[in-house]
Amino acid sequence: MKETDIKSVVKERYAQAALSVSSGAKASCCGGARGKGQSCDPITTNLYEPAQTGELPEAAVLASLGCGNPTALAELKPGEVVLDLGSGGGIDVLLSAKRVGPAGKAYGLDMTDEMLALANENKRKAGAQNVEFVKGEIENIPLPDNSVDVIISNCVINLAADKDRVLREAFRVLKPGGRFAVSDVVTRGAVPSDIRNSMLLWVGCVAGALEENEYHAKLAAAGFQNIDIEPTRIYRAEDAKGFLEDKGIDLDVVGPQVDGKFMSAFVRGTKPVAKAAALEAKGGSACCA
């Protein structure tokens, strides 16, 4: 698919999800519909502690379409500035705002009007003062260079057509020493393309997941260091049985080709501190860095 086509499909899917939540239903992202006996449960449920979600507006929880909990893994500190790429209904932004406190700030970036409207309503209900939702694309982040301490995202980067550009933009807006700490869908090893596409439709909305070694290489090419990809939830072939059967795919045949090769992962990286800044921090001269 062309980049413009992918964006249109993603926008439509997430707009439908937002409207579904506004009507009181739980958002679903299993290829647009659930097959018989098929559930999103292995992907989207039990990601947050009840103590976390109990303090949030119900619509923020219902709109969650992520595959991880980046706020729990990013080790956010009071006073930090956090940016959530593809913030949806705002669950991770609101949780981040609590962690960074009044001296910090949490931005949410999303390109879908319906999700932004839902997120701003959730912000109002939560009474969050240190939150700002911004309209834009993750390939073109509308924030200045070196302005963010931490970038989080919850299974959205996999949806981007130009992932290299997303990672370069993330690197640009992070401060030196800033942290990239996202949950995302990744794959491990080779899978036949037709089977891969069907599995990724099950995993999420038009999910274009990278193979883990390719993800690592793209992060390094963007300039990140200390890169780590840690699986947090590995999907089994049996989990997708109903969905694959509805697609006419025999699980007994393809099971060995897909079992354990699709997963949610916590993806980490850091933006290096400039040599001059590092020297000054150690009490040396920056004149000759």
Protein backbone atom coordinates (compact mmCIF):
# COMPACT_ATOMS: atom_id res chain seq x y z
CA MET A 1 0.00 0.00 0.00
CA LYS A 2 1.10 3.58 -0.65
CA GLU A 3 1.87 5.76 2.35
CA THR A 4 -1.20 7.93 1.72
CA ASP A 5 -3.41 4.83 1.52
CA ILE A 6 -2.04 3.44 4.78
CA LYS A 7 -2.70 6.74 6.57
CA SER A 8 -6.26 6.85 5.22
CA VAL A 9 -7.01 3.32 6.40
CA VAL A 10 -5.47 3.93 9.83
CA LYS A 11 -7.41 7.18 10.22
CA GLU A 12 -10.67 5.46 9.29
CA ARG A 13 -10.09 2.54 11.67
CA TYR A 14 -9.21 4.76 14.61
CA ALA A 15 -12.04 7.18 13.89
CA GLN A 16 -14.44 4.23 14.01
CA ALA A 17 -12.86 3.07 17.27
CA ALA A 18 -13.30 6.53 18.82
CA LEU A 19 -16.93 6.73 17.74
CA SER A 20 -17.52 3.25 19.13
CA VAL A 21 -16.18 4.33 22.51
CA SER A 22 -18.28 7.50 22.44
CA SER A 23 -21.33 5.26 22.16
CA GLY A 24 -20.22 3.26 25.22
CA ALA A 25 -18.60 0.24 23.55
CA LYS A 26 -15.06 -1.11 23.90
CA ALA A 27 -12.82 -0.31 20.95
CA SER A 28 -11.68 -3.30 18.90
CA CYS A 29 -8.75 -3.50 16.53
CA CYS A 30 -8.74 -7.08 15.30
CA GLY A 31 -8.78 -6.34 11.61
CA GLY A 32 -12.06 -4.46 11.98
CA ALA A 33 -14.09 -7.48 13.08
CA ARG A 34 -13.77 -10.50 15.33
CA GLY A 35 -14.00 -13.99 13.98
CA LYS A 36 -15.97 -16.79 15.62
CA GLY A 37 -14.43 -17.68 18.94
CA GLN A 38 -11.74 -15.07 18.32
CA SER A 39 -10.72 -12.51 20.86
CA CYS A 40 -8.29 -9.62 21.20
CA ASP A 41 -7.72 -10.65 24.81
CA PRO A 42 -4.14 -11.94 24.38
CA ILE A 43 -3.15 -8.54 22.99
CA THR A 44 -5.09 -5.72 24.61
CA THR A 45 -6.20 -6.92 28.04
CA ASN A 46 -4.52 -6.99 31.44
CA LEU A 47 -1.97 -4.36 30.39
CA TYR A 48 -2.71 -1.94 33.22
CA GLU A 49 -3.05 -2.39 36.96
CA PRO A 50 -6.59 -1.77 38.28
CA ALA A 51 -5.18 0.94 40.52
CA GLN A 52 -4.06 2.81 37.40
CA THR A 53 -7.22 2.54 35.34
CA GLY A 54 -9.49 3.10 38.33
CA GLU A 55 -8.37 6.73 38.46
CA LEU A 56 -9.06 7.41 34.76
CA PRO A 57 -12.23 8.27 32.83
CA GLU A 58 -13.91 5.10 31.57
CA ALA A 59 -13.70 6.26 27.94
CA ALA A 60 -9.91 6.50 28.15
CA VAL A 61 -9.76 2.84 29.18
CA LEU A 62 -12.33 1.71 26.61
CA ALA A 63 -10.39 3.46 23.83
CA SER A 64 -7.11 1.73 24.63
CA LEU A 65 -5.91 -0.22 21.59
CA GLY A 66 -2.34 -0.74 22.72
CA CYS A 67 -0.36 -3.94 23.19
CA GLY A 68 1.72 -2.83 26.18
CA ASN A 69 2.05 -0.40 29.05
CA PRO A 70 4.91 1.96 28.20
CA THR A 71 4.17 4.20 31.18
CA ALA A 72 5.02 1.36 33.55
CA LEU A 73 8.31 0.59 31.80
CA ALA A 74 9.59 4.06 30.89
CA GLU A 75 10.59 4.98 34.47
CA LEU A 76 9.17 8.49 34.22
CA LYS A 77 10.42 11.02 36.72
CA PRO A 78 8.79 14.11 38.25
CA GLY A 79 9.36 17.21 36.14
CA GLU A 80 10.00 15.40 32.86
CA VAL A 81 8.40 16.27 29.52
CA VAL A 82 6.80 13.22 27.86
CA LEU A 83 5.46 12.80 24.33
CA ASP A 84 3.11 9.95 23.38
CA LEU A 85 3.17 9.19 19.64
CA GLY A 86 -0.31 8.19 18.47
CA SER A 87 -2.01 8.97 21.77
CA GLY A 88 -5.53 7.83 20.84
CA GLY A 89 -8.02 8.28 23.68
CA GLY A 90 -5.25 9.48 25.97
CA ILE A 91 -4.80 6.66 28.48
CA ASP A 92 -0.99 6.70 28.42
CA VAL A 93 -0.82 10.51 28.36
CA LEU A 94 -3.01 10.77 31.46
CA LEU A 95 -1.01 8.10 33.26
CA SER A 96 2.24 9.84 32.28
CA ALA A 97 0.93 13.18 33.53
CA LYS A 98 0.43 11.67 36.97
CA ARG A 99 3.97 10.28 37.00
CA VAL A 100 5.74 13.50 35.92
CA GLY A 101 3.62 15.61 38.28
CA PRO A 102 2.72 19.30 38.15
CA ALA A 103 6.28 20.32 37.29
CA GLY A 104 6.28 18.05 34.23
CA LYS A 105 4.17 17.87 31.10
CA ALA A 106 2.64 15.15 28.94
CA TYR A 107 1.93 15.70 25.25
CA GLY A 108 -0.25 13.45 23.14
CA LEU A 109 0.12 13.50 19.35
CA ASP A 110 -2.58 12.05 17.11
CA MET A 111 -3.78 12.63 13.54
CA THR A 112 -7.39 11.52 14.01
CA ASP A 113 -9.92 14.24 14.86
CA GLU A 114 -12.31 11.81 16.55
CA MET A 115 -9.58 10.46 18.83
CA LEU A 116 -8.39 13.97 19.68
CA ALA A 117 -11.91 15.00 20.61
CA LEU A 118 -12.25 11.92 22.83
CA ALA A 119 -8.83 12.53 24.41
CA ASN A 120 -9.61 16.16 25.21
CA GLU A 121 -12.90 15.12 26.81
CA ASN A 122 -11.00 12.55 28.89
CA LYS A 123 -8.50 15.25 29.87
CA ARG A 124 -11.40 17.45 31.04
CA LYS A 125 -12.96 14.63 33.05
CA ALA A 126 -9.61 13.76 34.63
CA GLY A 127 -8.93 17.40 35.52
CA ALA A 128 -5.41 17.10 34.11
CA GLN A 129 -3.63 20.46 34.02
CA ASN A 130 -0.26 19.32 32.66
CA VAL A 131 -1.60 17.62 29.51
CA GLU A 132 -1.79 18.86 25.93
CA PHE A 133 -3.13 16.95 22.94
CA VAL A 134 -1.73 18.05 19.58
CA LYS A 135 -2.94 17.23 16.07
CA GLY A 136 -0.25 15.96 13.73
CA GLU A 137 1.50 12.97 12.21
CA ILE A 138 4.23 11.01 13.93
CA GLU A 139 6.32 11.39 10.75
CA ASN A 140 6.27 15.18 11.28
CA ILE A 141 6.23 15.90 15.01
CA PRO A 142 5.11 19.52 15.60
CA LEU A 143 7.53 20.15 18.49
CA PRO A 144 10.95 21.87 18.56
CA ASP A 145 14.30 20.12 18.51
CA ASN A 146 15.61 18.89 21.87
CA SER A 147 12.36 19.60 23.71
CA VAL A 148 11.28 16.23 25.14
CA ASP A 149 12.78 14.03 27.86
CA VAL A 150 10.94 10.81 27.03
CA ILE A 151 9.05 9.50 24.01
CA ILE A 152 6.50 6.76 24.59
CA SER A 153 4.10 5.07 22.19
CA ASN A 154 1.73 2.13 22.46
CA CYS A 155 1.76 -0.02 19.33
CA VAL A 156 1.46 2.84 16.86
CA ILE A 157 4.88 3.06 15.21
CA ASN A 158 4.18 -0.30 13.59
CA LEU A 159 1.33 1.42 11.71
CA ALA A 160 3.58 4.04 10.11
CA ALA A 161 4.46 3.63 6.44
CA ASP A 162 7.78 5.46 6.83
CA LYS A 163 9.23 4.15 10.09
CA ASP A 164 12.70 5.56 9.38
CA ARG A 165 11.24 9.05 9.27
CA VAL A 166 9.31 8.46 12.51
CA LEU A 167 12.46 7.37 14.30
CA ARG A 168 14.46 10.33 12.95
CA GLU A 169 11.74 12.70 14.14
CA ALA A 170 11.71 11.05 17.56
CA PHE A 171 15.47 11.47 17.76
CA ARG A 172 15.19 15.13 16.72
CA VAL A 173 12.73 16.20 19.40
CA LEU A 174 14.43 14.28 22.23
CA LYS A 175 16.85 16.20 24.41
CA PRO A 176 20.43 14.90 24.54
CA GLY A 177 20.26 11.96 26.94
CA GLY A 178 16.53 11.64 26.25
CA ARG A 179 14.87 8.24 26.25
CA PHE A 180 12.88 6.39 23.58
CA ALA A 181 10.67 3.90 25.45
CA VAL A 182 7.81 2.47 23.41
CA SER A 183 5.66 -0.63 23.26
CA ASP A 184 5.32 -2.00 19.75
CA VAL A 185 4.51 -5.11 17.74
CA VAL A 186 7.58 -6.90 16.40
CA THR A 187 8.20 -10.17 14.63
CA ARG A 188 10.96 -12.72 15.05
CA GLY A 189 12.29 -14.60 12.06
CA ALA A 190 10.88 -15.18 8.59
CA VAL A 191 7.17 -15.83 7.97
CA PRO A 192 5.51 -16.30 4.54
CA SER A 193 4.10 -12.94 3.44
CA ASP A 194 0.45 -14.02 3.12
CA ILE A 195 0.45 -15.63 6.57
CA ARG A 196 2.32 -12.65 8.03
CA ASN A 197 -0.28 -10.22 6.69
CA SER A 198 -3.16 -12.22 8.16
CA MET A 199 -1.47 -12.50 11.55
CA LEU A 200 -0.73 -8.79 11.63
CA LEU A 201 -4.35 -7.97 10.86
CA TRP A 202 -5.22 -10.01 13.92
CA VAL A 203 -2.59 -8.29 16.06
CA GLY A 204 -3.85 -4.77 15.33
CA CYS A 205 -5.13 -2.09 13.01
CA VAL A 206 -3.19 -2.60 9.75
CA ALA A 207 -0.13 -3.56 11.78
CA GLY A 208 3.07 -3.35 9.71
CA ALA A 209 5.41 -4.79 12.32
CA LEU A 210 9.16 -4.82 11.83
CA GLU A 211 11.34 -7.86 12.40
CA GLU A 212 13.26 -7.25 15.64
CA ASN A 213 16.72 -7.10 14.03
CA GLU A 214 15.44 -4.64 11.42
CA TYR A 215 13.94 -2.49 14.17
CA HIS A 216 17.28 -2.44 15.98
CA ALA A 217 19.07 -1.43 12.76
CA LYS A 218 16.63 1.40 12.04
CA LEU A 219 17.00 2.80 15.57
CA ALA A 220 20.79 2.74 15.21
CA ALA A 221 20.58 4.43 11.81
CA ALA A 222 18.47 7.20 13.36
CA GLY A 223 21.25 7.80 15.90
CA PHE A 224 20.02 5.97 19.00
CA GLN A 225 22.31 4.14 21.39
CA ASN A 226 21.74 1.60 24.19
CA ILE A 227 19.10 -0.10 22.04
CA ASP A 228 17.17 -2.97 23.57
CA ILE A 229 14.12 -4.91 22.40
CA GLU A 230 12.47 -6.88 25.20
CA PRO A 231 9.47 -9.13 24.44
CA THR A 232 6.63 -8.50 26.89
CA ARG A 233 3.90 -10.71 25.44
CA ILE A 234 4.49 -13.49 22.91
CA TYR A 235 1.50 -14.52 20.81
CA ARG A 236 0.78 -18.17 20.20
CA ALA A 237 -0.78 -19.56 17.03
CA GLU A 238 -3.69 -20.94 19.05
CA ASP A 239 -4.58 -17.40 20.17
CA ALA A 240 -5.38 -16.45 16.57
CA LYS A 241 -7.15 -19.70 15.65
CA GLY A 242 -10.62 -18.23 15.11
CA PHE A 243 -9.35 -15.29 13.08
CA LEU A 244 -7.14 -17.44 10.85
CA GLU A 245 -9.89 -19.99 10.26
CA ASP A 246 -12.21 -17.19 9.15
CA LYS A 247 -9.51 -16.25 6.62
CA GLY A 248 -9.50 -19.81 5.30
CA ILE A 249 -6.09 -20.57 6.83
CA ASP A 250 -5.51 -24.03 8.30
CA LEU A 251 -3.89 -23.56 11.71
CA ASP A 252 -2.51 -27.12 11.68
CA VAL A 253 -0.54 -26.23 8.56
CA VAL A 254 0.65 -22.73 9.41
CA GLY A 255 0.94 -23.10 13.19
CA PRO A 256 4.65 -23.99 13.20
CA GLN A 257 5.35 -21.04 10.88
CA VAL A 258 3.77 -18.41 13.15
CA ASP A 259 3.84 -19.75 16.69
CA GLY A 260 5.90 -17.47 18.91
CA LYS A 261 7.05 -15.25 16.02
CA PHE A 262 4.70 -12.32 16.74
CA MET A 263 4.99 -10.39 19.96
CA SER A 264 4.57 -7.18 21.85
CA ALA A 265 7.88 -5.76 22.93
CA PHE A 266 9.30 -2.87 24.93
CA VAL A 267 11.71 -1.02 22.65
CA ARG A 268 14.33 1.21 24.27
CA GLY A 269 16.98 3.60 23.04
CA THR A 270 18.71 6.79 24.16
CA LYS A 271 19.82 9.92 22.35
CA PRO A 272 23.53 10.38 23.02
CA VAL A 273 24.65 13.35 25.07
CA ALA A 274 26.77 15.72 22.94
CA LYS A 275 30.49 15.48 23.63
CA ALA A 276 30.70 19.13 24.65
CA ALA A 277 27.82 18.77 27.09
CA ALA A 278 29.39 15.65 28.53
CA LEU A 279 32.70 17.42 29.09
CA GLU A 280 31.04 20.38 30.78
CA ALA A 281 29.04 18.05 33.01
CA LYS A 282 32.35 16.54 34.17
CA GLY A 283 33.78 19.96 34.92
CA GLY A 284 36.04 20.07 31.87
CA SER A 285 36.28 22.59 29.05
CA ALA A 286 33.94 22.32 26.10
CA CYS A 287 36.15 24.47 23.87
CA CYS A 288 37.86 21.59 22.14
CA ALA A 289 35.20 18.88 22.23
